[in-house]
C-alpha atoms as a PDB file:
ATOM      1  CA  MET A   1     -56.507 -68.519  26.286  1.00  0.00           C
ATOM      2  CA  ALA A   2     -58.095 -68.623  22.839  1.00  0.00           C
ATOM      3  CA  TRP A   3     -55.978 -68.777  19.699  1.00  0.00           C
ATOM      4  CA  GLU A   4     -56.940 -66.853  16.595  1.00  0.00           C
ATOM      5  CA  ARG A   5     -55.802 -67.575  13.098  1.00  0.00           C
ATOM      6  CA  ARG A   6     -54.420 -64.479  11.451  1.00  0.00           C
ATOM      7  CA  PRO A   7     -55.836 -63.479   8.046  1.00  0.00           C
ATOM      8  CA  ALA A   8     -54.039 -65.039   5.050  1.00  0.00           C
ATOM      9  CA  GLU A   9     -52.980 -61.626   3.721  1.00  0.00           C
ATOM     10  CA  GLU A  10     -51.057 -61.038   6.955  1.00  0.00           C
ATOM     11  CA  THR A  11     -49.161 -64.329   6.755  1.00  0.00           C
ATOM     12  CA  PRO A  12     -45.671 -63.802   5.301  1.00  0.00           C
ATOM     13  CA  ALA A  13     -44.984 -65.710   2.103  1.00  0.00           C
ATOM     14  CA  ALA A  14     -41.754 -67.681   1.876  1.00  0.00           C
ATOM     15  CA  GLU A  15     -40.015 -65.046  -0.229  1.00  0.00           C
ATOM     16  CA  GLN A  16     -36.375 -66.025  -0.864  1.00  0.00           C
ATOM     17  CA  ARG A  17     -33.351 -63.818  -1.489  1.00  0.00           C
ATOM     18  CA  THR A  18     -30.023 -65.270  -2.614  1.00  0.00           C
ATOM     19  CA  PHE A  19     -26.661 -63.532  -2.148  1.00  0.00           C
ATOM     20  CA  ARG A  20     -22.950 -64.201  -1.589  1.00  0.00           C
ATOM     21  CA  ASP A  21     -21.125 -63.427   1.640  1.00  0.00           C
ATOM     22  CA  GLU A  22     -17.629 -61.942   1.945  1.00  0.00           C
ATOM     23  CA  ARG A  23     -16.108 -65.433   1.657  1.00  0.00           C
ATOM     24  CA  GLY A  24     -17.921 -66.097  -1.635  1.00  0.00           C
ATOM     25  CA  ARG A  25     -20.409 -68.613  -0.243  1.00  0.00           C
ATOM     26  CA  ARG A  26     -23.953 -68.465  -1.587  1.00  0.00           C
ATOM     27  CA  TRP A  27     -26.750 -68.057   0.981  1.00  0.00           C
ATOM     28  CA  THR A  28     -30.542 -68.004   0.748  1.00  0.00           C
ATOM     29  CA  GLY A  29     -32.622 -65.975   3.180  1.00  0.00           C
ATOM     30  CA  VAL A  30     -36.306 -66.679   3.900  1.00  0.00           C
ATOM     31  CA  VAL A  31     -38.542 -64.420   6.013  1.00  0.00           C
ATOM     32  CA  HIS A  32     -41.225 -65.488   8.480  1.00  0.00           C
ATOM     33  CA  SER A  33     -43.012 -64.098  11.506  1.00  0.00           C
ATOM     34  CA  GLY A  34     -40.974 -63.866  14.692  1.00  0.00           C
ATOM     35  CA  SER A  35     -40.520 -66.956  16.821  1.00  0.00           C
ATOM     36  CA  GLU A  36     -39.957 -65.192  20.127  1.00  0.00           C
ATOM     37  CA  ARG A  37     -42.538 -63.631  22.417  1.00  0.00           C
ATOM     38  CA  ARG A  38     -44.773 -61.115  20.597  1.00  0.00           C
ATOM     39  CA  GLY A  39     -43.627 -62.592  17.286  1.00  0.00           C
ATOM     40  CA  GLU A  40     -46.311 -60.794  15.284  1.00  0.00           C
ATOM     41  CA  GLU A  41     -44.635 -57.473  16.078  1.00  0.00           C
ATOM     42  CA  HIS A  42     -41.444 -58.374  14.234  1.00  0.00           C
ATOM     43  CA  ALA A  43     -40.201 -60.721  11.567  1.00  0.00           C
ATOM     44  CA  GLU A  44     -37.148 -62.933  11.282  1.00  0.00           C
ATOM     45  CA  VAL A  45     -35.058 -64.112   8.383  1.00  0.00           C
ATOM     46  CA  ILE A  46     -33.453 -67.557   8.326  1.00  0.00           C
ATOM     47  CA  PHE A  47     -30.255 -67.855   6.283  1.00  0.00           C
ATOM     48  CA  MET A  48     -29.171 -71.214   4.825  1.00  0.00           C
ATOM     49  CA  CYS A  49     -25.831 -71.793   3.084  1.00  0.00           C
ATOM     50  CA  ASP A  50     -26.411 -73.260  -0.382  1.00  0.00           C
ATOM     51  CA  ASP A  51     -22.757 -74.157  -1.003  1.00  0.00           C
ATOM     52  CA  GLN A  52     -22.211 -75.948   2.312  1.00  0.00           C
ATOM     53  CA  PRO A  53     -25.487 -77.472   3.579  1.00  0.00           C
ATOM     54  CA  SER A  54     -23.780 -78.544   6.816  1.00  0.00           C
ATOM     55  CA  GLU A  55     -23.075 -74.875   7.666  1.00  0.00           C
ATOM     56  CA  THR A  56     -25.099 -73.746  10.686  1.00  0.00           C
ATOM     57  CA  ARG A  57     -28.220 -71.855   9.732  1.00  0.00           C
ATOM     58  CA  ARG A  58     -28.392 -68.274  10.899  1.00  0.00           C
ATOM     59  CA  VAL A  59     -31.285 -66.092  12.077  1.00  0.00           C
ATOM     60  CA  ALA A  60     -31.709 -62.317  12.198  1.00  0.00           C
ATOM     61  CA  ARG A  61     -34.555 -60.336  13.705  1.00  0.00           C
ATOM     62  CA  LEU A  62     -35.987 -57.623  11.459  1.00  0.00           C
ATOM     63  CA  PRO A  63     -37.652 -54.533  12.953  1.00  0.00           C
ATOM     64  CA  ILE A  64     -40.625 -54.993  10.613  1.00  0.00           C
ATOM     65  CA  LYS A  65     -44.100 -56.242  11.511  1.00  0.00           C
ATOM     66  CA  ALA A  66     -44.761 -59.760  10.263  1.00  0.00           C
ATOM     67  CA  ALA A  67     -47.717 -58.541   8.190  1.00  0.00           C
ATOM     68  CA  GLU A  68     -45.459 -56.101   6.277  1.00  0.00           C
ATOM     69  CA  VAL A  69     -42.272 -58.110   5.857  1.00  0.00           C
ATOM     70  CA  ASP A  70     -43.018 -59.703   2.440  1.00  0.00           C
ATOM     71  CA  ASP A  71     -43.055 -56.432   0.534  1.00  0.00           C
ATOM     72  CA  ARG A  72     -40.187 -54.928   2.509  1.00  0.00           C
ATOM     73  CA  TRP A  73     -37.991 -58.027   2.028  1.00  0.00           C
ATOM     74  CA  ARG A  74     -38.572 -57.934  -1.754  1.00  0.00           C
ATOM     75  CA  GLU A  75     -37.739 -54.211  -1.874  1.00  0.00           C
ATOM     76  CA  MET A  76     -34.564 -54.411   0.236  1.00  0.00           C
ATOM     77  CA  GLY A  77     -31.350 -53.653  -1.549  1.00  0.00           C
ATOM     78  CA  GLU A  78     -28.476 -56.130  -1.624  1.00  0.00           C
ATOM     79  CA  ASP A  79     -26.619 -54.041   0.966  1.00  0.00           C
ATOM     80  CA  GLU A  80     -29.579 -54.231   3.391  1.00  0.00           C
ATOM     81  CA  VAL A  81     -29.817 -58.012   2.969  1.00  0.00           C
ATOM     82  CA  LEU A  82     -26.073 -58.335   3.663  1.00  0.00           C
ATOM     83  CA  GLU A  83     -26.409 -56.094   6.730  1.00  0.00           C
ATOM     84  CA  ALA A  84     -29.172 -58.347   8.092  1.00  0.00           C
ATOM     85  CA  PHE A  85     -26.898 -61.340   7.444  1.00  0.00           C
ATOM     86  CA  ARG A  86     -23.991 -59.698   9.291  1.00  0.00           C
ATOM     87  CA  ARG A  87     -26.263 -59.099  12.313  1.00  0.00           C
ATOM     88  CA  SER A  88     -27.497 -62.697  12.293  1.00  0.00           C
ATOM     89  CA  ARG A  89     -26.649 -65.264  14.941  1.00  0.00           C
ATOM     90  CA  PRO A  90     -26.511 -69.063  14.784  1.00  0.00           C
ATOM     91  CA  ALA A  91     -30.011 -70.539  14.759  1.00  0.00           C
END
């Protein structure tokens, strides 16, 4: 099996979004290509709690191709980011 490096323009940048959850804690979400099988066909967002670094990180799968997630993540409204957070599971 030969591995190919994907073009740089298709590699998601580490775009960050910061928001507060229902409990008032501040979180930062960072997108990247999917880590599961066929990871290029979807993207994931990792959420880290800024107020409580010991809080378990969370991960949510986004139904967006990895090559397109940067622009979509930047354009998402606050409500869409919170919805992704609510769907997340412990990482």
